[in-house]
Protein backbone atom coordinates (compact mmCIF):
# COMPACT_ATOMS: atom_id res chain seq x y z
CA UNK A 1 -0.11 0.41 0.00
CA UNK A 2 0.99 3.44 -0.57
CA UNK A 3 2.70 5.09 1.97
CA UNK A 4 1.15 8.82 2.31
CA UNK A 5 4.43 11.47 2.78
CA UNK A 6 4.72 14.85 2.78
CA UNK A 7 5.44 15.15 -1.22
CA UNK A 8 2.45 13.49 -2.05
CA UNK A 9 0.17 15.49 0.26
CA UNK A 10 1.95 18.67 -1.45
CA UNK A 11 0.88 17.00 -4.96
CA UNK A 12 -2.51 16.49 -4.36
CA UNK A 13 -2.83 20.14 -2.77
CA UNK A 14 -1.59 21.99 -6.05
CA UNK A 15 -4.09 19.54 -7.69
CA UNK A 16 -6.95 20.83 -6.04
CA UNK A 17 -6.14 24.51 -6.17
CA UNK A 18 -5.51 24.20 -9.50
CA UNK A 19 -8.93 23.28 -10.03
CA UNK A 20 -10.36 26.04 -7.61
CA UNK A 21 -7.68 28.83 -8.96
CA UNK A 22 -8.18 30.91 -5.87
CA UNK A 23 -11.79 30.94 -6.16
CA UNK A 24 -14.68 28.40 -4.97
CA UNK A 25 -16.81 25.53 -6.96
CA UNK A 26 -19.56 28.15 -8.21
CA UNK A 27 -21.37 25.56 -10.14
CA UNK A 28 -21.91 23.35 -6.86
CA UNK A 29 -22.37 26.50 -4.37
CA UNK A 30 -25.19 27.49 -6.21
CA UNK A 31 -26.95 24.22 -7.33
CA UNK A 32 -25.95 22.10 -3.88
CA UNK A 33 -27.95 23.00 -0.76
CA UNK A 34 -26.04 24.26 1.78
CA UNK A 35 -25.34 21.31 4.63
CA UNK A 36 -26.56 18.29 2.27
CA UNK A 37 -24.82 15.15 2.15
CA UNK A 38 -24.23 12.43 0.15
CA UNK A 39 -22.57 9.05 -0.05
CA UNK A 40 -20.27 8.89 -3.73
CA UNK A 41 -19.03 5.54 -5.13
CA UNK A 42 -15.98 4.88 -7.29
CA UNK A 43 -17.17 2.27 -9.63
CA UNK A 44 -14.89 0.22 -12.48
CA UNK A 45 -16.31 1.24 -15.98
CA UNK A 46 -13.55 -1.08 -17.53
CA UNK A 47 -11.35 -4.24 -16.55
CA UNK A 48 -7.88 -3.46 -14.54
CA UNK A 49 -5.66 -3.38 -12.11
CA UNK A 50 -6.13 -0.78 -9.52
CA UNK A 51 -3.56 2.02 -8.47
CA UNK A 52 -3.83 5.18 -6.24
CA UNK A 53 -7.20 4.65 -4.00
CA UNK A 54 -5.09 6.21 -1.18
CA UNK A 55 -4.50 8.94 -3.10
CA UNK A 56 -7.85 9.55 -4.06
CA UNK A 57 -9.29 9.05 -0.57
CA UNK A 58 -6.21 11.66 0.43
CA UNK A 59 -7.92 14.29 -2.14
CA UNK A 60 -11.22 13.58 -0.54
CA UNK A 61 -10.00 14.08 2.74
CA UNK A 62 -8.20 17.21 1.80
CA UNK A 63 -11.29 18.49 0.29
CA UNK A 64 -13.02 17.79 3.92
CA UNK A 65 -15.02 14.67 3.13
CA UNK A 66 -15.06 12.76 6.52
CA UNK A 67 -15.70 9.23 5.34
CA UNK A 68 -13.90 7.04 2.94
CA UNK A 69 -14.05 2.77 2.37
CA UNK A 70 -12.18 0.93 0.51
CA UNK A 71 -13.82 -2.11 -1.35
CA UNK A 72 -10.91 -2.54 -3.82
CA UNK A 73 -7.23 -2.25 -2.88
CA UNK A 74 -4.33 -1.04 -5.21
CA UNK A 75 -2.95 -3.89 -7.14
CA UNK A 76 -6.62 -5.83 -7.05
CA UNK A 77 -8.47 -6.48 -10.58
CA UNK A 78 -11.72 -5.33 -11.37
CA UNK A 79 -13.75 -6.10 -13.73
CA UNK A 80 -16.67 -3.57 -15.11
CA UNK A 81 -19.23 -2.68 -12.60
CA UNK A 82 -17.24 -3.35 -9.70
CA UNK A 83 -16.81 -1.19 -6.49
CA UNK A 84 -13.85 0.07 -5.85
CA UNK A 85 -14.30 2.95 -2.76
CA UNK A 86 -17.00 4.68 -1.43
CA UNK A 87 -16.88 8.47 0.28
CA UNK A 88 -19.48 10.08 2.62
CA UNK A 89 -20.16 13.66 3.81
CA UNK A 90 -20.39 16.95 2.24
CA UNK A 91 -22.08 16.87 -0.99
CA UNK A 92 -20.11 20.29 -2.07
CA UNK A 93 -16.73 18.47 -0.72
CA UNK A 94 -17.65 15.67 -2.49
CA UNK A 95 -17.59 17.65 -5.46
CA UNK A 96 -15.33 19.63 -5.02
CA UNK A 97 -12.59 16.98 -4.72
CA UNK A 98 -14.49 14.16 -7.82
CA UNK A 99 -12.41 15.48 -10.55
CA UNK A 100 -8.99 15.79 -8.80
CA UNK A 101 -9.41 12.13 -7.40
CA UNK A 102 -10.51 10.66 -10.33
CA UNK A 103 -7.46 12.01 -12.45
CA UNK A 104 -5.33 10.56 -10.03
CA UNK A 105 -6.93 6.88 -9.53
CA UNK A 106 -7.55 6.31 -13.18
CA UNK A 107 -4.37 7.48 -14.61
CA UNK A 108 -2.09 5.52 -11.61
CA UNK A 109 -4.84 2.76 -12.43
CA UNK A 110 -3.85 2.85 -16.44
CA UNK A 111 -0.24 2.49 -15.57
CA UNK A 112 -0.73 -0.49 -13.22
CA UNK A 113 -2.99 -2.01 -16.09
CA UNK A 114 -1.01 -1.66 -18.98
CA UNK A 115 2.38 -2.83 -16.57
CA UNK A 116 0.23 -5.69 -15.69
CA UNK A 117 -0.62 -6.57 -19.71
CA UNK A 118 3.05 -6.24 -20.22
CA UNK A 119 4.29 -8.45 -17.97
CA UNK A 120 1.39 -11.43 -18.52
CA UNK A 121 3.36 -11.05 -22.02
CA UNK A 122 6.15 -12.60 -20.94
CA UNK A 123 5.15 -14.91 -18.13
CA UNK A 124 7.19 -17.93 -18.18
CA UNK A 125 10.55 -16.24 -18.83
CA UNK A 126 12.82 -14.70 -16.17
CA UNK A 127 12.82 -11.49 -17.61
CA UNK A 128 11.19 -8.83 -15.93
CA UNK A 129 9.48 -5.58 -16.88
CA UNK A 130 11.02 -2.43 -16.18
CA UNK A 131 9.71 1.24 -16.15
CA UNK A 132 12.29 4.54 -17.22
CA UNK A 133 12.44 7.87 -16.54
CA UNK A 134 9.67 8.79 -18.92
CA UNK A 135 7.37 10.01 -16.51
CA UNK A 136 5.26 13.31 -16.36
CA UNK A 137 6.79 15.98 -14.48
CA UNK A 138 5.88 15.96 -10.95
CA UNK A 139 4.33 12.36 -10.69
CA UNK A 140 7.25 10.28 -10.85
CA UNK A 141 6.64 9.12 -7.54
CA UNK A 142 3.28 7.80 -7.82
CA UNK A 143 3.94 6.90 -11.53
CA UNK A 144 6.84 4.54 -10.63
CA UNK A 145 4.60 3.34 -8.08
CA UNK A 146 1.99 2.36 -9.97
CA UNK A 147 4.29 0.24 -12.00
CA UNK A 148 5.15 -1.72 -8.98
CA UNK A 149 1.64 -2.23 -8.28
CA UNK A 150 1.07 -3.67 -12.10
CA UNK A 151 3.82 -6.14 -11.39
CA UNK A 152 6.70 -4.06 -13.15
CA UNK A 153 10.09 -3.44 -11.29
CA UNK A 154 11.88 0.07 -11.11
CA UNK A 155 14.75 1.03 -12.66
CA UNK A 156 16.90 4.27 -11.34
CA UNK A 157 14.57 7.06 -9.73
CA UNK A 158 16.90 10.17 -10.33
CA UNK A 159 20.04 10.79 -12.46
CA UNK A 160 21.87 10.44 -9.26
CA UNK A 161 20.99 7.02 -7.80
CA UNK A 162 22.45 5.29 -11.19
CA UNK A 163 24.71 5.61 -13.97
CA UNK A 164 23.85 5.01 -16.95
CA UNK A 165 26.29 5.90 -20.11
CA UNK A 166 24.03 6.56 -23.00
CA UNK A 167 25.24 7.28 -26.45
CA UNK A 168 25.95 10.82 -25.82
CA UNK A 169 27.60 10.06 -23.14
CA UNK A 170 30.03 8.12 -25.29
CA UNK A 171 30.25 10.36 -27.89
CA UNK A 172 31.22 13.38 -25.91
CA UNK A 173 33.62 11.58 -23.64
CA UNK A 174 35.45 10.22 -26.74
CA UNK A 175 34.63 6.08 -26.06
CA UNK A 176 32.48 3.66 -24.13
CA UNK A 177 35.85 2.52 -21.92
CA UNK A 178 36.96 6.17 -21.62
CA UNK A 179 33.59 7.28 -20.51
CA UNK A 180 33.03 3.78 -17.77
CA UNK A 181 36.47 4.26 -16.43
CA UNK A 182 35.99 8.16 -16.14
CA UNK A 183 32.64 7.38 -13.89
CA UNK A 184 33.88 4.94 -11.93
CA UNK A 185 36.96 7.04 -10.73
CA UNK A 186 34.74 9.89 -10.11
CA UNK A 187 32.04 7.18 -8.02
CA UNK A 188 33.27 4.19 -7.60
CA UNK A 189 30.87 2.96 -5.30
CA UNK A 190 27.59 3.66 -7.94
CA UNK A 191 25.93 1.44 -9.95
CA UNK A 192 26.93 1.25 -13.40
CA UNK A 193 24.70 0.14 -16.46
CA UNK A 194 25.98 1.19 -20.12
CA UNK A 195 23.69 1.57 -23.74
CA UNK A 196 25.13 0.04 -26.14
CA UNK A 197 23.74 -0.64 -29.68
CA UNK A 198 26.14 -3.05 -31.41
CA UNK A 199 28.28 -6.43 -30.41
CA UNK A 200 31.05 -4.56 -30.94
CA UNK A 201 30.08 -2.15 -28.14
CA UNK A 202 28.85 -5.29 -26.12
CA UNK A 203 32.04 -6.92 -25.96
CA UNK A 204 34.19 -3.76 -25.31
CA UNK A 205 31.22 -3.29 -22.43
CA UNK A 206 31.83 -6.62 -21.21
CA UNK A 207 35.51 -6.09 -21.26
CA UNK A 208 35.20 -3.11 -19.05
CA UNK A 209 33.69 -5.37 -16.42
CA UNK A 210 30.02 -3.30 -16.98
CA UNK A 211 27.37 -5.31 -14.68
CA UNK A 212 24.48 -4.49 -16.61
CA UNK A 213 23.85 -3.41 -20.12
CA UNK A 214 21.13 -1.65 -22.27
CA UNK A 215 20.30 -3.45 -25.76
CA UNK A 216 19.32 0.04 -27.83
CA UNK A 217 17.21 -0.93 -30.67
CA UNK A 218 18.36 -4.48 -31.18
CA UNK A 219 16.36 -6.88 -33.21
CA UNK A 220 15.61 -10.29 -32.04
CA UNK A 221 18.65 -11.95 -34.08
CA UNK A 222 20.88 -9.63 -32.26
CA UNK A 223 19.78 -9.80 -28.78
CA UNK A 224 19.85 -13.81 -29.14
CA UNK A 225 23.96 -13.18 -30.60
CA UNK A 226 24.00 -10.77 -27.36
CA UNK A 227 23.27 -13.37 -24.80
CA UNK A 228 25.34 -15.93 -26.20
CA UNK A 229 28.17 -13.51 -26.18
CA UNK A 230 27.55 -12.27 -22.96
CA UNK A 231 26.93 -15.91 -21.50
CA UNK A 232 25.88 -14.89 -17.93
CA UNK A 233 28.65 -12.31 -17.29
CA UNK A 234 26.12 -9.25 -17.10
CA UNK A 235 22.40 -8.26 -17.02
CA UNK A 236 20.88 -7.76 -20.25
CA UNK A 237 18.35 -4.96 -20.65
CA UNK A 238 16.36 -5.01 -23.99
CA UNK A 239 15.19 -1.19 -25.04
CA UNK A 240 13.45 0.22 -28.07
CA UNK A 241 11.45 -1.03 -30.61
CA UNK A 242 9.75 -2.93 -28.24
CA UNK A 243 5.87 -4.32 -28.08
CA UNK A 244 3.06 -6.30 -26.48
CA UNK A 245 3.26 -8.43 -29.46
CA UNK A 246 7.17 -9.05 -29.46
CA UNK A 247 7.56 -8.49 -25.74
CA UNK A 248 7.47 -12.81 -25.28
CA UNK A 249 9.81 -12.91 -28.46
CA UNK A 250 12.45 -10.72 -26.47
CA UNK A 251 12.10 -11.95 -23.00
CA UNK A 252 12.98 -15.75 -24.48
CA UNK A 253 16.09 -14.51 -25.52
CA UNK A 254 17.34 -14.99 -22.15
CA UNK A 255 17.59 -10.97 -21.34
CA UNK A 256 17.04 -9.93 -17.67
CA UNK A 257 14.47 -6.88 -18.84
CA UNK A 258 12.81 -5.36 -21.09
CA UNK A 259 12.52 -1.31 -20.57
CA UNK A 260 9.30 -0.12 -21.68
CA UNK A 261 8.69 3.77 -21.69
CA UNK A 262 5.20 3.29 -22.56
CA UNK A 263 4.36 1.89 -19.04
CA UNK A 264 4.32 5.82 -18.20
CA UNK A 265 4.29 8.14 -20.46
CA UNK A 266 1.73 6.08 -22.97
CA UNK A 267 -0.59 4.11 -20.38
CA UNK A 268 -4.41 4.94 -21.09
CA UNK A 269 -5.79 5.65 -18.10
CA UNK A 270 -8.40 2.83 -17.13
CA UNK A 271 -11.73 4.37 -16.80
CA UNK A 272 -13.44 4.93 -13.36
CA UNK A 273 -16.87 7.02 -12.72
CA UNK A 274 -17.78 8.55 -9.23
CA UNK A 275 -21.72 8.55 -8.71
CA UNK A 276 -23.17 10.22 -5.76
CA UNK A 277 -26.69 9.22 -4.18
CA UNK A 278 -28.42 8.80 -0.45
CA UNK A 279 -28.67 12.62 -0.62
CA UNK A 280 -29.77 14.34 3.17
CA UNK A 281 -29.51 16.96 4.99
CA UNK A 282 -27.18 17.53 7.33
CA UNK A 283 -28.31 18.51 11.19
CA UNK A 284 -25.02 20.35 11.68
CA UNK A 285 -25.81 23.49 12.59
CA UNK A 286 -29.58 23.21 12.43
CA UNK A 287 -31.58 24.96 15.04
């Protein structure tokens, strides 16, 4: 279950303020009687894997909705029509929170659902589905969390927690070996991955003792050769040009990871609705 920290609270508050823009919910204030209370149901409108229920709860609470009940937890598979959660309280507050809560819940559930499809596509192999830094600015923590919920694994979170020597680093430093040695000298304890786009570079990386090697845009046949050449001396990650249709073929070559940027940058939102009912006047403040 997601741990709600100060970062996520700030993100939720910013999203709520984005909706209010310094004002108020003019539609609800004008049309919803003061002190009216309702029950709101989050309903799945498509099959998928849920992620972000606690974020939806946080949105509701930050908007003043008193009660929130989980009927599904992150990682649960839902079908069309399933009840995910219920919120009860002030109707105006529920409607204020509605869109922001759904934005988070639908987006994160879309990521976990797509990740699960990739994970299922390579079932029976050792390959893990790994995310990338191709995340929505400001949402990396939540989006990478949703990948984990869907059964994927995380790559580096930032530029500082792991080194990844890519083609532009190699070009700027003069050689793959030069870039690797320079990195090892400056940061001797950091985990290093090197991107290669041909078998000659692969052999060079292996000669340097690189522990993880990214095979960039290699086709199936070249990937098979790369696995044979490596012979277990390094972990291999296929990246670029992958699809759900080709995922199993790449996984069967024996690579350790499939890096899929689409998990976070192209996942369609899972369709979830919020419906309110059971309206009643609150006795709060009444004479």
